[in-house]
Amino acid sequence: MTLTAPPRLLLVHAHPDDESLWTGGTIARYAAQGVHVTVITCTLGEEGEVIPEGLRGLGPDAADQLGGYRVGELRSACGALGIADHRFLGGPGRWRDSGMVGTAANAHPRAFVNGDFEEQVAALEAVLRELRPQVVVSYDPNGGYGHPDHIRAHQVTMAATERVPEVDRVFYAVTSRAATEVGVAALAEVEGLPFRLPAPGELPVTEDAEITTTVDVSENLTAKLGALRAHATQVQVWQAGDGTAAYALSNGIAQPLVAAEYYVLAKGSAEGAETDLFGVPVAQGGAGR
């Protein structure tokens, strides 16, 4: 890729917290380098399972105010990662969290998966034409782990980017099997872990032979941890005295914080993409090459 405009990265995520869980280190890295980073969130995450007992009254089976609360969490996470440009697809609350597969939320009339697909694609296309990002990131065809909203976000992203030729590359954000296994093994050696270690195959991973791009985020883990902590209704964060860190969702299963984030190139040239989403040092793009 030869950058002829200031580097712009746009990420499409399904719910508040996905930007931090899947791509927080990458966002922080590029934002710190001066890249214009835009995050699009497709729903308010109204169906999330609330971890703190004192906030469970916000949930969909009670006051149903969780989505509004998570907007504030997302704002704090964006601050931690250095995101200056965040938008909700179609505007805040346009589409609702569809819930996990097989739940009643799948049938909600405002659920993201039940929304008009063309309207959703057109909403993202309009942002792409406005911002003209060279790189777009979302999920793989299975949405990373099968969540209906992740799958729909993938579908919308692929359809919209096909209509905007200024998008040079599209990546799927994935997790590495090898890095996850090494990280879990390290957690098994640390005392005081408050979460349950995952059983083999319990965490969603991608085979490393399929991964095209490894982004080093070792210098951005503090920002990522800050963003994860901001999503307190959804994420628990723990650090050992030696700095080893882990997090867990409402299921209490430990997930290691690893020093890289992983991607599969879905569209565009692979030149230079082994370690960089843009394929060239960002400073060169900023100089207007």
Protein backbone atom coordinates (compact mmCIF):
# COMPACT_ATOMS: atom_id res chain seq x y z
CA MET A 1 0.00 0.00 0.00
CA THR A 2 1.23 3.49 -0.87
CA LEU A 3 -0.46 6.05 1.36
CA THR A 4 -1.49 9.20 -0.48
CA ALA A 5 -3.55 10.65 2.39
CA PRO A 6 -3.13 10.82 6.16
CA PRO A 7 -3.53 7.28 7.51
CA ARG A 8 -7.07 6.45 8.56
CA LEU A 9 -8.20 3.29 10.33
CA LEU A 10 -11.87 2.42 10.85
CA LEU A 11 -13.07 -0.46 13.02
CA VAL A 12 -16.60 -1.88 13.05
CA HIS A 13 -17.63 -3.55 16.31
CA ALA A 14 -20.91 -5.04 17.46
CA HIS A 15 -21.16 -3.87 21.08
CA PRO A 16 -19.47 -1.54 23.54
CA ASP A 17 -16.40 -3.40 24.94
CA ASP A 18 -15.65 -5.27 21.70
CA GLU A 19 -13.36 -2.46 20.58
CA SER A 20 -11.27 -3.00 23.72
CA LEU A 21 -11.44 -6.79 23.92
CA TRP A 22 -10.60 -7.50 20.29
CA THR A 23 -8.56 -4.53 19.13
CA GLY A 24 -7.77 -2.29 22.13
CA GLY A 25 -4.01 -2.54 21.81
CA THR A 26 -4.09 -1.91 18.07
CA ILE A 27 -6.31 1.14 18.50
CA ALA A 28 -4.04 2.58 21.19
CA ARG A 29 -0.93 1.92 19.11
CA TYR A 30 -2.16 3.66 15.98
CA ALA A 31 -3.88 6.49 17.82
CA ALA A 32 -0.60 7.23 19.60
CA GLN A 33 1.14 7.36 16.20
CA GLY A 34 -1.25 10.01 14.94
CA VAL A 35 -3.48 7.80 12.81
CA HIS A 36 -7.09 8.98 12.54
CA VAL A 37 -8.90 6.10 14.26
CA THR A 38 -12.68 5.78 14.00
CA VAL A 39 -14.67 3.16 15.87
CA ILE A 40 -18.19 2.28 14.76
CA THR A 41 -20.35 0.44 17.31
CA CYS A 42 -23.48 -1.23 15.96
CA THR A 43 -25.58 -1.54 19.15
CA LEU A 44 -25.66 -0.29 22.74
CA GLY A 45 -25.09 -3.78 24.15
CA GLU A 46 -28.45 -3.84 25.92
CA GLU A 47 -28.43 -7.63 26.38
CA GLY A 48 -25.07 -7.90 28.15
CA GLU A 49 -24.84 -9.92 31.36
CA VAL A 50 -24.04 -7.52 34.21
CA ILE A 51 -21.19 -8.58 36.50
CA PRO A 52 -21.45 -6.17 39.49
CA GLU A 53 -24.38 -7.25 41.63
CA GLY A 54 -25.26 -3.65 42.47
CA LEU A 55 -25.82 -2.82 38.79
CA ARG A 56 -27.91 -5.82 37.75
CA GLY A 57 -31.09 -3.78 37.97
CA LEU A 58 -29.97 -2.14 34.72
CA GLY A 59 -30.36 -5.39 32.81
CA PRO A 60 -32.93 -6.23 30.12
CA ASP A 61 -34.98 -8.32 32.56
CA ALA A 62 -35.25 -5.38 34.98
CA ALA A 63 -35.05 -1.65 34.16
CA ASP A 64 -33.61 -2.31 30.68
CA GLN A 65 -31.30 0.68 31.03
CA LEU A 66 -28.02 -1.14 30.46
CA GLY A 67 -27.50 0.26 26.98
CA GLY A 68 -27.48 3.84 28.19
CA TYR A 69 -25.12 2.95 31.02
CA ARG A 70 -22.74 1.25 28.62
CA VAL A 71 -22.56 4.38 26.48
CA GLY A 72 -20.76 5.98 29.42
CA GLU A 73 -18.45 3.00 29.78
CA LEU A 74 -17.65 3.16 26.08
CA ARG A 75 -16.86 6.86 26.32
CA SER A 76 -14.37 6.17 29.10
CA ALA A 77 -12.81 3.30 27.15
CA CYS A 78 -12.41 5.51 24.09
CA GLY A 79 -10.59 8.02 26.26
CA ALA A 80 -8.24 5.34 27.56
CA LEU A 81 -7.41 4.17 24.04
CA GLY A 82 -7.07 7.64 22.52
CA ILE A 83 -10.10 7.35 20.23
CA ALA A 84 -11.22 10.81 19.16
CA ASP A 85 -13.86 9.68 16.65
CA HIS A 86 -16.53 7.24 17.84
CA ARG A 87 -19.91 6.74 16.20
CA PHE A 88 -22.90 4.43 16.55
CA LEU A 89 -24.04 2.87 13.29
CA GLY A 90 -27.19 4.71 12.29
CA GLY A 91 -27.00 6.85 15.44
CA PRO A 92 -27.21 5.84 19.12
CA GLY A 93 -29.86 3.20 19.73
CA ARG A 94 -30.81 2.70 16.08
CA TRP A 95 -30.35 -1.06 16.42
CA ARG A 96 -30.56 -3.17 19.57
CA ASP A 97 -28.26 -5.89 20.85
CA SER A 98 -29.59 -9.19 19.46
CA GLY A 99 -28.35 -11.34 22.35
CA MET A 100 -26.61 -14.69 22.12
CA VAL A 101 -27.73 -17.43 19.72
CA GLY A 102 -31.01 -19.02 20.72
CA THR A 103 -32.16 -16.32 23.14
CA ALA A 104 -35.47 -14.47 23.03
CA ALA A 105 -33.60 -11.27 22.23
CA ASN A 106 -32.92 -12.63 18.73
CA ALA A 107 -36.56 -11.99 17.89
CA HIS A 108 -36.75 -8.41 19.18
CA PRO A 109 -38.08 -6.20 16.37
CA ARG A 110 -35.23 -3.70 16.83
CA ALA A 111 -32.52 -6.36 17.07
CA PHE A 112 -29.52 -5.66 14.85
CA VAL A 113 -29.95 -9.01 13.09
CA ASN A 114 -33.55 -8.08 12.22
CA GLY A 115 -32.68 -4.65 10.88
CA ASP A 116 -32.91 -3.76 7.22
CA PHE A 117 -29.61 -4.97 5.79
CA GLU A 118 -29.50 -2.39 3.01
CA GLU A 119 -30.11 0.41 5.51
CA GLN A 120 -27.27 -0.87 7.67
CA VAL A 121 -24.88 -1.17 4.73
CA ALA A 122 -25.83 2.28 3.48
CA ALA A 123 -25.21 3.77 6.94
CA LEU A 124 -21.69 2.33 7.02
CA GLU A 125 -21.05 3.19 3.38
CA ALA A 126 -21.84 6.84 4.11
CA VAL A 127 -19.21 6.92 6.87
CA LEU A 128 -16.65 5.20 4.66
CA ARG A 129 -17.22 7.72 1.88
CA GLU A 130 -16.92 10.59 4.35
CA LEU A 131 -13.71 9.40 6.02
CA ARG A 132 -12.09 7.34 3.24
CA PRO A 133 -10.10 5.04 5.53
CA GLN A 134 -7.38 3.00 3.91
CA VAL A 135 -7.89 0.15 6.40
CA VAL A 136 -11.10 -1.30 7.84
CA VAL A 137 -11.28 -3.94 10.58
CA SER A 138 -14.19 -6.10 11.69
CA TYR A 139 -14.81 -9.82 12.39
CA ASP A 140 -14.49 -13.01 10.39
CA PRO A 141 -17.57 -14.70 8.84
CA ASN A 142 -18.32 -16.49 12.14
CA GLY A 143 -18.10 -13.25 14.07
CA GLY A 144 -15.17 -14.59 16.06
CA TYR A 145 -17.34 -16.86 18.19
CA GLY A 146 -20.76 -17.03 16.58
CA HIS A 147 -22.58 -14.09 18.13
CA PRO A 148 -25.37 -13.00 15.74
CA ASP A 149 -24.42 -9.31 15.98
CA HIS A 150 -20.78 -10.06 15.23
CA ILE A 151 -21.79 -12.05 12.17
CA ARG A 152 -24.08 -9.24 10.99
CA ALA A 153 -21.30 -6.68 11.59
CA HIS A 154 -19.03 -8.79 9.38
CA GLN A 155 -21.66 -8.97 6.66
CA VAL A 156 -22.40 -5.26 6.75
CA THR A 157 -18.70 -4.40 6.71
CA MET A 158 -17.89 -6.60 3.75
CA ALA A 159 -20.85 -5.30 1.74
CA ALA A 160 -20.10 -1.65 2.50
CA THR A 161 -16.38 -1.87 1.77
CA GLU A 162 -17.12 -3.44 -1.62
CA ARG A 163 -18.86 -0.19 -2.55
CA VAL A 164 -16.03 2.15 -1.52
CA PRO A 165 -12.85 1.72 -3.59
CA GLU A 166 -10.84 4.01 -1.30
CA VAL A 167 -10.69 1.15 1.22
CA ASP A 168 -7.44 -0.61 0.38
CA ARG A 169 -7.52 -3.36 2.99
CA VAL A 170 -10.06 -5.17 5.14
CA PHE A 171 -8.95 -7.30 8.08
CA TYR A 172 -10.68 -9.73 10.40
CA ALA A 173 -9.71 -9.38 14.06
CA VAL A 174 -8.99 -12.83 15.48
CA THR A 175 -7.25 -14.50 18.42
CA SER A 176 -4.17 -16.69 18.06
CA ARG A 177 -4.32 -20.28 19.23
CA ALA A 178 -0.60 -20.34 20.07
CA ALA A 179 -0.59 -17.03 21.94
CA THR A 180 -3.72 -17.98 23.87
CA GLU A 181 -2.31 -21.35 24.88
CA VAL A 182 0.98 -19.80 26.01
CA GLY A 183 -0.88 -17.13 27.94
CA VAL A 184 -3.17 -19.62 29.66
CA ALA A 185 -0.17 -21.78 30.61
CA ALA A 186 1.46 -18.73 32.20
CA LEU A 187 -1.71 -17.96 34.16
CA ALA A 188 -1.70 -21.51 35.51
CA GLU A 189 1.61 -20.75 37.21
CA VAL A 190 0.45 -17.53 38.88
CA GLU A 191 -0.92 -17.56 42.40
CA GLY A 192 -4.15 -15.82 43.30
CA LEU A 193 -5.90 -15.90 39.93
CA PRO A 194 -9.56 -15.19 40.79
CA PHE A 195 -10.93 -16.69 37.58
CA ARG A 196 -11.34 -20.26 36.39
CA LEU A 197 -8.76 -21.43 33.86
CA PRO A 198 -10.32 -22.35 30.51
CA ALA A 199 -10.60 -25.96 29.51
CA PRO A 200 -8.81 -26.95 26.28
CA GLY A 201 -10.74 -25.56 23.35
CA GLU A 202 -13.04 -23.44 25.51
CA LEU A 203 -11.78 -20.07 24.28
CA PRO A 204 -12.42 -19.07 20.65
CA VAL A 205 -9.17 -19.06 18.70
CA THR A 206 -7.90 -19.06 15.12
CA GLU A 207 -5.26 -21.43 13.85
CA ASP A 208 -2.00 -19.53 13.48
CA ALA A 209 -1.50 -20.77 9.93
CA GLU A 210 -4.51 -18.64 8.93
CA ILE A 211 -3.23 -15.46 10.61
CA THR A 212 -1.64 -12.99 8.21
CA THR A 213 -0.84 -10.06 10.49
CA THR A 214 0.57 -9.78 14.00
CA VAL A 215 0.49 -6.29 15.52
CA ASP A 216 2.84 -5.78 18.45
CA VAL A 217 0.90 -4.03 21.22
CA SER A 218 3.31 -4.71 24.07
CA GLU A 219 3.77 -0.98 24.65
CA ASN A 220 0.00 -0.36 24.62
CA LEU A 221 -1.19 -2.86 27.22
CA THR A 222 -1.63 -0.24 29.92
CA ALA A 223 -4.07 1.60 27.67
CA LYS A 224 -5.88 -1.62 26.82
CA LEU A 225 -6.20 -2.54 30.49
CA GLY A 226 -7.58 0.90 31.23
CA ALA A 227 -10.17 0.47 28.50
CA LEU A 228 -11.15 -2.99 29.75
CA ARG A 229 -11.57 -1.63 33.28
CA ALA A 230 -13.87 1.06 31.89
CA HIS A 231 -16.29 -1.67 30.80
CA ALA A 232 -16.94 -2.70 34.39
CA THR A 233 -20.42 -4.11 33.78
CA GLN A 234 -18.97 -6.63 31.32
CA VAL A 235 -15.30 -7.22 32.12
CA GLN A 236 -13.29 -8.10 35.23
CA VAL A 237 -9.57 -7.28 35.14
CA TRP A 238 -6.87 -8.78 37.40
CA GLN A 239 -3.11 -8.25 37.64
CA ALA A 240 -0.57 -10.24 39.60
CA GLY A 241 2.30 -8.62 41.46
CA ASP A 242 4.68 -9.50 38.63
CA GLY A 243 2.48 -7.66 36.12
CA THR A 244 0.84 -10.73 34.59
CA ALA A 245 -2.70 -9.73 33.65
CA ALA A 246 -5.92 -11.53 32.85
CA TYR A 247 -9.53 -10.64 32.35
CA ALA A 248 -12.83 -12.47 32.43
CA LEU A 249 -16.33 -11.85 31.19
CA SER A 250 -19.45 -12.78 33.14
CA ASN A 251 -18.62 -16.48 32.77
CA GLY A 252 -15.57 -16.05 35.01
CA ILE A 253 -13.23 -17.82 32.57
CA ALA A 254 -9.70 -16.41 32.58
CA GLN A 255 -8.39 -14.95 29.35
CA PRO A 256 -4.74 -13.90 29.14
CA LEU A 257 -3.66 -10.42 28.12
CA VAL A 258 -1.16 -11.07 25.33
CA ALA A 259 1.43 -8.75 23.81
CA ALA A 260 0.10 -8.82 20.25
CA GLU A 261 -3.20 -8.66 18.43
CA TYR A 262 -3.92 -10.79 15.40
CA TYR A 263 -5.63 -10.33 12.06
CA VAL A 264 -6.51 -12.13 8.87
CA LEU A 265 -6.25 -10.08 5.68
CA ALA A 266 -9.59 -10.41 3.88
CA LYS A 267 -9.12 -7.88 1.09
CA GLY A 268 -6.20 -6.01 -0.40
CA SER A 269 -2.47 -6.37 -0.93
CA ALA A 270 -0.49 -8.47 1.53
CA GLU A 271 2.66 -6.44 0.93
CA GLY A 272 4.15 -5.42 4.27
CA ALA A 273 1.10 -6.68 6.15
CA GLU A 274 2.90 -9.21 8.32
CA THR A 275 3.30 -6.73 11.19
CA ASP A 276 1.36 -3.62 10.15
CA LEU A 277 -2.23 -3.05 9.04
CA PHE A 278 -1.14 -0.33 6.64
CA GLY A 279 1.89 -2.25 5.37
CA VAL A 280 4.15 0.79 5.65
CA PRO A 281 5.45 2.71 8.66
CA VAL A 282 2.74 5.14 9.67
CA ALA A 283 5.20 8.05 9.72
CA GLN A 284 5.71 7.62 5.97
CA GLY A 285 1.96 7.80 5.36
CA GLY A 286 1.73 10.90 7.51
CA ALA A 287 4.28 12.55 5.27
CA GLY A 288 1.88 12.23 2.35
CA ARG A 289 3.52 9.50 0.28
